[in-house]
Amino acid sequence: MEVTAITRNVRLSAQKGRPLSRKVQGMTVSEALKVTQFSPRKAAAVLGQTIQSAMANAKNNANLDVDGLRIQLAVFDEGPRLRRFWPRARGSASPIARRLCHVKVVLTDGR
């Protein structure tokens, strides 16, 4: 059975989170939480929270044992962009795009 958790509009670019998501795919949830706990990246904290949310969904909504769960899919997708403008010389302005992302974690019990 599959259980999903999604964290939306995270103030982080998807490009910075993807290497960590590739690393934890296929791991058990306990191994993945250890990896995210000791990683210095901002994406690790966000991914760890999303994994814990998926574990809570598995326990409370699907009545699954959280010890046997594996990460089937962990994805950092592009989200909306916050558009800003930076004032420049002679009354002009340069655009700034603050990137946001959506984090999706799918856990499976192997059945």
Foldseek 3Di string as FASTA:
>chain_A
DKFKFKDWFAQDAQVVQVVLQVVQAFPQLVVLLVVLVPDPDPNSVVQNVRSVVRLVCCCPVVVDDSRQKGWNGKGKAWDAWDWDWDADPPRDTDIDTRTTTMIMTMIDNPD
